[in-house]
Structure formats: C-alpha cells, structure tokens
Amino acid sequence: MPIFEYKCSSCGVVEEFLESASSKNKHDCSKCGKSMQKMFSTFAPRIAAEKSGCAKNSCCPNAGRCPHSM
C-alpha cells in the first residue's frame, strides 16, 4: 500500500497516511482538527535522482551538478 501526504487546509500541517490508491478516506488534522487535502507527491523524481547519484545533499562528488537534478 502506498503512503499519501495530506496537508491541513487550515494550519498547514503535513501528515502521511498508509492507504490504498482508491481510498476515499477523509482525514482530519491531528493538530487543529480541520480537514486535510491530499498533496501531489514528488517521491518518484526524487528517488530517481538519488539512485543516479545526483541528489543535491548526496555524498556523490557530482552532487548538485548533475543534469538530472537541474
């Protein structure tokens, strides 16, 4: 099951929930109790950059200079 990120529409807190892609669950913020909205994730591109050794905070000697991270 994938992890989805939700952001509170009131206070901006971001939380992660493990749920199926077809889930219609509504989530309330653990901080203020208001409704949360599903966020679009940047998971796949970030992982691809890390696997190629191009992550900006990587220990790779080319970190931050790789064409994949630009």
PDB file of N, CA and C in Angstrom:
ATOM      1  N   MET A   1       0.842  -1.177   0.000  1.00  0.00           N
ATOM      2  CA  MET A   1       0.000   0.000   0.000  1.00  0.00           C
ATOM      3  C   MET A   1       0.894   1.250   0.000  1.00  0.00           C
ATOM      4  N   PRO A   2       0.545   2.253  -0.786  1.00  0.00           N
ATOM      5  CA  PRO A   2       1.353   3.478  -0.853  1.00  0.00           C
ATOM      6  C   PRO A   2       1.090   4.414   0.321  1.00  0.00           C
ATOM      7  N   ILE A   3       2.024   5.300   0.539  1.00  0.00           N
ATOM      8  CA  ILE A   3       1.888   6.349   1.550  1.00  0.00           C
ATOM      9  C   ILE A   3       1.494   7.633   0.838  1.00  0.00           C
ATOM     10  N   PHE A   4       0.447   8.284   1.335  1.00  0.00           N
ATOM     11  CA  PHE A   4      -0.012   9.538   0.757  1.00  0.00           C
ATOM     12  C   PHE A   4       0.192  10.663   1.766  1.00  0.00           C
ATOM     13  N   GLU A   5       0.559  11.839   1.260  1.00  0.00           N
ATOM     14  CA  GLU A   5       0.728  13.016   2.098  1.00  0.00           C
ATOM     15  C   GLU A   5      -0.524  13.874   2.008  1.00  0.00           C
ATOM     16  N   TYR A   6      -0.931  14.378   3.160  1.00  0.00           N
ATOM     17  CA  TYR A   6      -2.081  15.271   3.254  1.00  0.00           C
ATOM     18  C   TYR A   6      -1.643  16.532   3.970  1.00  0.00           C
ATOM     19  N   LYS A   7      -2.189  17.679   3.528  1.00  0.00           N
ATOM     20  CA  LYS A   7      -1.864  18.962   4.147  1.00  0.00           C
ATOM     21  C   LYS A   7      -3.137  19.564   4.721  1.00  0.00           C
ATOM     22  N   CYS A   8      -3.029  20.077   5.944  1.00  0.00           N
ATOM     23  CA  CYS A   8      -4.173  20.698   6.598  1.00  0.00           C
ATOM     24  C   CYS A   8      -4.546  21.986   5.868  1.00  0.00           C
ATOM     25  N   SER A   9      -5.827  22.138   5.581  1.00  0.00           N
ATOM     26  CA  SER A   9      -6.286  23.326   4.861  1.00  0.00           C
ATOM     27  C   SER A   9      -6.324  24.560   5.760  1.00  0.00           C
ATOM     28  N   SER A  10      -6.166  24.364   7.064  1.00  0.00           N
ATOM     29  CA  SER A  10      -6.208  25.484   7.990  1.00  0.00           C
ATOM     30  C   SER A  10      -4.828  25.884   8.518  1.00  0.00           C
ATOM     31  N   CYS A  11      -4.119  24.948   9.150  1.00  0.00           N
ATOM     32  CA  CYS A  11      -2.841  25.310   9.794  1.00  0.00           C
ATOM     33  C   CYS A  11      -1.607  24.900   8.995  1.00  0.00           C
ATOM     34  N   GLY A  12      -1.767  24.116   7.925  1.00  0.00           N
ATOM     35  CA  GLY A  12      -0.655  23.771   7.049  1.00  0.00           C
ATOM     36  C   GLY A  12       0.164  22.561   7.458  1.00  0.00           C
ATOM     37  N   VAL A  13      -0.230  21.866   8.527  1.00  0.00           N
ATOM     38  CA  VAL A  13       0.495  20.669   8.961  1.00  0.00           C
ATOM     39  C   VAL A  13       0.403  19.606   7.867  1.00  0.00           C
ATOM     40  N   VAL A  14       1.525  18.900   7.623  1.00  0.00           N
ATOM     41  CA  VAL A  14       1.554  17.821   6.634  1.00  0.00           C
ATOM     42  C   VAL A  14       1.681  16.497   7.383  1.00  0.00           C
ATOM     43  N   GLU A  15       0.839  15.534   7.024  1.00  0.00           N
ATOM     44  CA  GLU A  15       0.866  14.212   7.638  1.00  0.00           C
ATOM     45  C   GLU A  15       0.838  13.163   6.542  1.00  0.00           C
ATOM     46  N   GLU A  16       1.362  11.975   6.854  1.00  0.00           N
ATOM     47  CA  GLU A  16       1.382  10.862   5.913  1.00  0.00           C
ATOM     48  C   GLU A  16       0.425   9.774   6.392  1.00  0.00           C
ATOM     49  N   PHE A  17      -0.259   9.130   5.425  1.00  0.00           N
ATOM     50  CA  PHE A  17      -1.183   8.049   5.732  1.00  0.00           C
ATOM     51  C   PHE A  17      -0.934   6.898   4.775  1.00  0.00           C
ATOM     52  N   LEU A  18      -0.906   5.685   5.319  1.00  0.00           N
ATOM     53  CA  LEU A  18      -0.751   4.480   4.526  1.00  0.00           C
ATOM     54  C   LEU A  18      -2.149   4.018   4.137  1.00  0.00           C
ATOM     55  N   GLU A  19      -2.448   4.044   2.830  1.00  0.00           N
ATOM     56  CA  GLU A  19      -3.785   3.670   2.369  1.00  0.00           C
ATOM     57  C   GLU A  19      -3.744   3.271   0.902  1.00  0.00           C
ATOM     58  N   SER A  20      -4.770   2.586   0.468  1.00  0.00           N
ATOM     59  CA  SER A  20      -4.819   2.168  -0.935  1.00  0.00           C
ATOM     60  C   SER A  20      -5.053   3.386  -1.827  1.00  0.00           C
ATOM     61  N   ALA A  21      -4.640   3.267  -3.068  1.00  0.00           N
ATOM     62  CA  ALA A  21      -4.776   4.378  -4.012  1.00  0.00           C
ATOM     63  C   ALA A  21      -6.236   4.728  -4.271  1.00  0.00           C
ATOM     64  N   SER A  22      -7.121   3.770  -4.135  1.00  0.00           N
ATOM     65  CA  SER A  22      -8.536   4.013  -4.402  1.00  0.00           C
ATOM     66  C   SER A  22      -9.305   4.440  -3.151  1.00  0.00           C
ATOM     67  N   SER A  23      -8.616   4.645  -2.047  1.00  0.00           N
ATOM     68  CA  SER A  23      -9.260   5.009  -0.785  1.00  0.00           C
ATOM     69  C   SER A  23      -9.966   6.358  -0.889  1.00  0.00           C
ATOM     70  N   LYS A  24     -11.121   6.432  -0.300  1.00  0.00           N
ATOM     71  CA  LYS A  24     -11.892   7.683  -0.262  1.00  0.00           C
ATOM     72  C   LYS A  24     -11.927   8.241   1.164  1.00  0.00           C
ATOM     73  N   ASN A  25     -10.947   7.839   1.998  1.00  0.00           N
ATOM     74  CA  ASN A  25     -10.903   8.289   3.390  1.00  0.00           C
ATOM     75  C   ASN A  25     -10.745   9.797   3.481  1.00  0.00           C
ATOM     76  N   LYS A  26     -11.407  10.373   4.465  1.00  0.00           N
ATOM     77  CA  LYS A  26     -11.241  11.788   4.805  1.00  0.00           C
ATOM     78  C   LYS A  26     -10.377  11.818   6.047  1.00  0.00           C
ATOM     79  N   HIS A  27      -9.413  12.726   6.093  1.00  0.00           N
ATOM     80  CA  HIS A  27      -8.516  12.828   7.233  1.00  0.00           C
ATOM     81  C   HIS A  27      -8.642  14.203   7.865  1.00  0.00           C
ATOM     82  N   ASP A  28      -8.601  14.209   9.191  1.00  0.00           N
ATOM     83  CA  ASP A  28      -8.626  15.454   9.944  1.00  0.00           C
ATOM     84  C   ASP A  28      -7.250  15.681  10.562  1.00  0.00           C
ATOM     85  N   CYS A  29      -6.840  16.930  10.640  1.00  0.00           N
ATOM     86  CA  CYS A  29      -5.550  17.318  11.190  1.00  0.00           C
ATOM     87  C   CYS A  29      -5.444  16.921  12.662  1.00  0.00           C
ATOM     88  N   SER A  30      -4.321  16.326  13.027  1.00  0.00           N
ATOM     89  CA  SER A  30      -4.110  15.938  14.415  1.00  0.00           C
ATOM     90  C   SER A  30      -3.817  17.143  15.304  1.00  0.00           C
ATOM     91  N   LYS A  31      -3.475  18.283  14.693  1.00  0.00           N
ATOM     92  CA  LYS A  31      -3.149  19.482  15.463  1.00  0.00           C
ATOM     93  C   LYS A  31      -4.385  20.353  15.720  1.00  0.00           C
ATOM     94  N   CYS A  32      -5.147  20.641  14.653  1.00  0.00           N
ATOM     95  CA  CYS A  32      -6.268  21.574  14.818  1.00  0.00           C
ATOM     96  C   CYS A  32      -7.636  20.952  14.532  1.00  0.00           C
ATOM     97  N   GLY A  33      -7.661  19.738  13.977  1.00  0.00           N
ATOM     98  CA  GLY A  33      -8.930  19.048  13.738  1.00  0.00           C
ATOM     99  C   GLY A  33      -9.629  19.400  12.432  1.00  0.00           C
ATOM    100  N   LYS A  34      -9.076  20.302  11.644  1.00  0.00           N
ATOM    101  CA  LYS A  34      -9.690  20.690  10.366  1.00  0.00           C
ATOM    102  C   LYS A  34      -9.408  19.632   9.302  1.00  0.00           C
ATOM    103  N   SER A  35     -10.113  19.715   8.178  1.00  0.00           N
ATOM    104  CA  SER A  35      -9.950  18.722   7.107  1.00  0.00           C
ATOM    105  C   SER A  35      -8.616  18.893   6.385  1.00  0.00           C
ATOM    106  N   MET A  36      -8.126  17.784   5.858  1.00  0.00           N
ATOM    107  CA  MET A  36      -6.837  17.777   5.153  1.00  0.00           C
ATOM    108  C   MET A  36      -7.068  17.456   3.685  1.00  0.00           C
ATOM    109  N   GLN A  37      -6.183  17.971   2.824  1.00  0.00           N
ATOM    110  CA  GLN A  37      -6.260  17.754   1.389  1.00  0.00           C
ATOM    111  C   GLN A  37      -5.072  16.918   0.933  1.00  0.00           C
ATOM    112  N   LYS A  38      -5.331  15.961   0.038  1.00  0.00           N
ATOM    113  CA  LYS A  38      -4.257  15.119  -0.492  1.00  0.00           C
ATOM    114  C   LYS A  38      -3.317  15.969  -1.328  1.00  0.00           C
ATOM    115  N   MET A  39      -2.016  15.773  -1.143  1.00  0.00           N
ATOM    116  CA  MET A  39      -0.994  16.519  -1.882  1.00  0.00           C
ATOM    117  C   MET A  39      -0.452  15.660  -3.022  1.00  0.00           C
ATOM    118  N   PHE A  40       0.046  16.301  -4.042  1.00  0.00           N
ATOM    119  CA  PHE A  40       0.762  15.593  -5.090  1.00  0.00           C
ATOM    120  C   PHE A  40       2.171  15.343  -4.585  1.00  0.00           C
ATOM    121  N   SER A  41       2.651  14.150  -4.756  1.00  0.00           N
ATOM    122  CA  SER A  41       3.953  13.779  -4.223  1.00  0.00           C
ATOM    123  C   SER A  41       5.042  13.932  -5.271  1.00  0.00           C
ATOM    124  N   THR A  42       6.248  14.259  -4.798  1.00  0.00           N
ATOM    125  CA  THR A  42       7.422  14.331  -5.677  1.00  0.00           C
ATOM    126  C   THR A  42       8.318  13.133  -5.425  1.00  0.00           C
ATOM    127  N   PHE A  43       7.750  12.073  -4.884  1.00  0.00           N
ATOM    128  CA  PHE A  43       8.508  10.892  -4.481  1.00  0.00           C
ATOM    129  C   PHE A  43       9.307  10.285  -5.627  1.00  0.00           C
ATOM    130  N   ALA A  44       8.677   9.970  -6.741  1.00  0.00           N
ATOM    131  CA  ALA A  44       9.354   9.269  -7.831  1.00  0.00           C
ATOM    132  C   ALA A  44      10.541  10.041  -8.404  1.00  0.00           C
ATOM    133  N   PRO A  45      10.415  11.321  -8.764  1.00  0.00           N
ATOM    134  CA  PRO A  45      11.576  12.037  -9.307  1.00  0.00           C
ATOM    135  C   PRO A  45      12.719  12.145  -8.306  1.00  0.00           C
ATOM    136  N   ARG A  46      12.403  12.357  -7.017  1.00  0.00           N
ATOM    137  CA  ARG A  46      13.452  12.491  -6.010  1.00  0.00           C
ATOM    138  C   ARG A  46      14.215  11.185  -5.875  1.00  0.00           C
ATOM    139  N   ILE A  47      13.530  10.062  -5.870  1.00  0.00           N
ATOM    140  CA  ILE A  47      14.181   8.759  -5.755  1.00  0.00           C
ATOM    141  C   ILE A  47      15.050   8.504  -6.988  1.00  0.00           C
ATOM    142  N   ALA A  48      14.568   8.867  -8.156  1.00  0.00           N
ATOM    143  CA  ALA A  48      15.349   8.671  -9.378  1.00  0.00           C
ATOM    144  C   ALA A  48      16.655   9.456  -9.311  1.00  0.00           C
ATOM    145  N   ALA A  49      16.605  10.682  -8.808  1.00  0.00           N
ATOM    146  CA  ALA A  49      17.822  11.499  -8.694  1.00  0.00           C
ATOM    147  C   ALA A  49      18.777  10.901  -7.677  1.00  0.00           C
ATOM    148  N   GLU A  50      18.241  10.416  -6.559  1.00  0.00           N
ATOM    149  CA  GLU A  50      19.106   9.820  -5.543  1.00  0.00           C
ATOM    150  C   GLU A  50      19.775   8.552  -6.055  1.00  0.00           C
ATOM    151  N   LYS A  51      19.039   7.740  -6.812  1.00  0.00           N
ATOM    152  CA  LYS A  51      19.609   6.496  -7.336  1.00  0.00           C
ATOM    153  C   LYS A  51      20.681   6.772  -8.382  1.00  0.00           C
ATOM    154  N   SER A  52      20.573   7.898  -9.080  1.00  0.00           N
ATOM    155  CA  SER A  52      21.568   8.212 -10.099  1.00  0.00           C
ATOM    156  C   SER A  52      22.789   8.911  -9.498  1.00  0.00           C
ATOM    157  N   GLY A  53      22.763   9.169  -8.175  1.00  0.00           N
ATOM    158  CA  GLY A  53      23.885   9.841  -7.518  1.00  0.00           C
ATOM    159  C   GLY A  53      23.860  11.340  -7.694  1.00  0.00           C
ATOM    160  N   CYS A  54      22.720  11.898  -8.031  1.00  0.00           N
ATOM    161  CA  CYS A  54      22.651  13.319  -8.350  1.00  0.00           C
ATOM    162  C   CYS A  54      21.895  14.149  -7.323  1.00  0.00           C
ATOM    163  N   ALA A  55      21.556  13.597  -6.195  1.00  0.00           N
ATOM    164  CA  ALA A  55      20.833  14.370  -5.191  1.00  0.00           C
ATOM    165  C   ALA A  55      21.722  15.497  -4.668  1.00  0.00           C
ATOM    166  N   LYS A  56      21.153  16.669  -4.451  1.00  0.00           N
ATOM    167  CA  LYS A  56      21.930  17.829  -4.017  1.00  0.00           C
ATOM    168  C   LYS A  56      22.639  17.591  -2.690  1.00  0.00           C
ATOM    169  N   ASN A  57      22.040  16.839  -1.783  1.00  0.00           N
ATOM    170  CA  ASN A  57      22.654  16.590  -0.480  1.00  0.00           C
ATOM    171  C   ASN A  57      23.337  15.235  -0.432  1.00  0.00           C
ATOM    172  N   SER A  58      23.653  14.708  -1.560  1.00  0.00           N
ATOM    173  CA  SER A  58      24.272  13.393  -1.648  1.00  0.00           C
ATOM    174  C   SER A  58      25.764  13.480  -1.346  1.00  0.00           C
ATOM    175  N   CYS A  59      26.348  12.341  -0.992  1.00  0.00           N
ATOM    176  CA  CYS A  59      27.799  12.305  -0.798  1.00  0.00           C
ATOM    177  C   CYS A  59      28.517  12.100  -2.134  1.00  0.00           C
ATOM    178  N   CYS A  60      27.765  12.022  -3.199  1.00  0.00           N
ATOM    179  CA  CYS A  60      28.313  11.870  -4.551  1.00  0.00           C
ATOM    180  C   CYS A  60      29.167  13.095  -4.895  1.00  0.00           C
ATOM    181  N   PRO A  61      30.338  12.931  -5.497  1.00  0.00           N
ATOM    182  CA  PRO A  61      31.179  14.071  -5.841  1.00  0.00           C
ATOM    183  C   PRO A  61      30.511  15.043  -6.828  1.00  0.00           C
ATOM    184  N   ASN A  62      29.511  14.584  -7.584  1.00  0.00           N
ATOM    185  CA  ASN A  62      28.831  15.445  -8.549  1.00  0.00           C
ATOM    186  C   ASN A  62      27.533  16.028  -7.996  1.00  0.00           C
ATOM    187  N   ALA A  63      27.295  15.903  -6.711  1.00  0.00           N
ATOM    188  CA  ALA A  63      26.028  16.365  -6.107  1.00  0.00           C
ATOM    189  C   ALA A  63      25.749  17.815  -6.458  1.00  0.00           C
ATOM    190  N   GLY A  64      24.552  18.062  -6.961  1.00  0.00           N
ATOM    191  CA  GLY A  64      24.145  19.413  -7.304  1.00  0.00           C
ATOM    192  C   GLY A  64      24.597  19.859  -8.677  1.00  0.00           C
ATOM    193  N   ARG A  65      25.442  19.093  -9.352  1.00  0.00           N
ATOM    194  CA  ARG A  65      25.939  19.493 -10.667  1.00  0.00           C
ATOM    195  C   ARG A  65      25.486  18.541 -11.754  1.00  0.00           C
ATOM    196  N   CYS A  66      24.736  17.547 -11.386  1.00  0.00           N
ATOM    197  CA  CYS A  66      24.267  16.539 -12.344  1.00  0.00           C
ATOM    198  C   CYS A  66      23.117  17.109 -13.167  1.00  0.00           C
ATOM    199  N   PRO A  67      23.068  16.881 -14.448  1.00  0.00           N
ATOM    200  CA  PRO A  67      21.969  17.417 -15.260  1.00  0.00           C
ATOM    201  C   PRO A  67      20.612  16.883 -14.851  1.00  0.00           C
ATOM    202  N   HIS A  68      20.543  15.740 -14.168  1.00  0.00           N
ATOM    203  CA  HIS A  68      19.259  15.189 -13.737  1.00  0.00           C
ATOM    204  C   HIS A  68      18.645  15.991 -12.603  1.00  0.00           C
ATOM    205  N   SER A  69      19.436  16.741 -11.849  1.00  0.00           N
ATOM    206  CA  SER A  69      18.913  17.485 -10.703  1.00  0.00           C
ATOM    207  C   SER A  69      18.626  18.940 -11.040  1.00  0.00           C
ATOM    208  N   MET A  70      18.781  19.319 -12.285  1.00  0.00           N
ATOM    209  CA  MET A  70      18.551  20.715 -12.676  1.00  0.00           C
ATOM    210  C   MET A  70      17.185  20.886 -13.245  1.00  0.00           C
TER     211      MET A  70
END
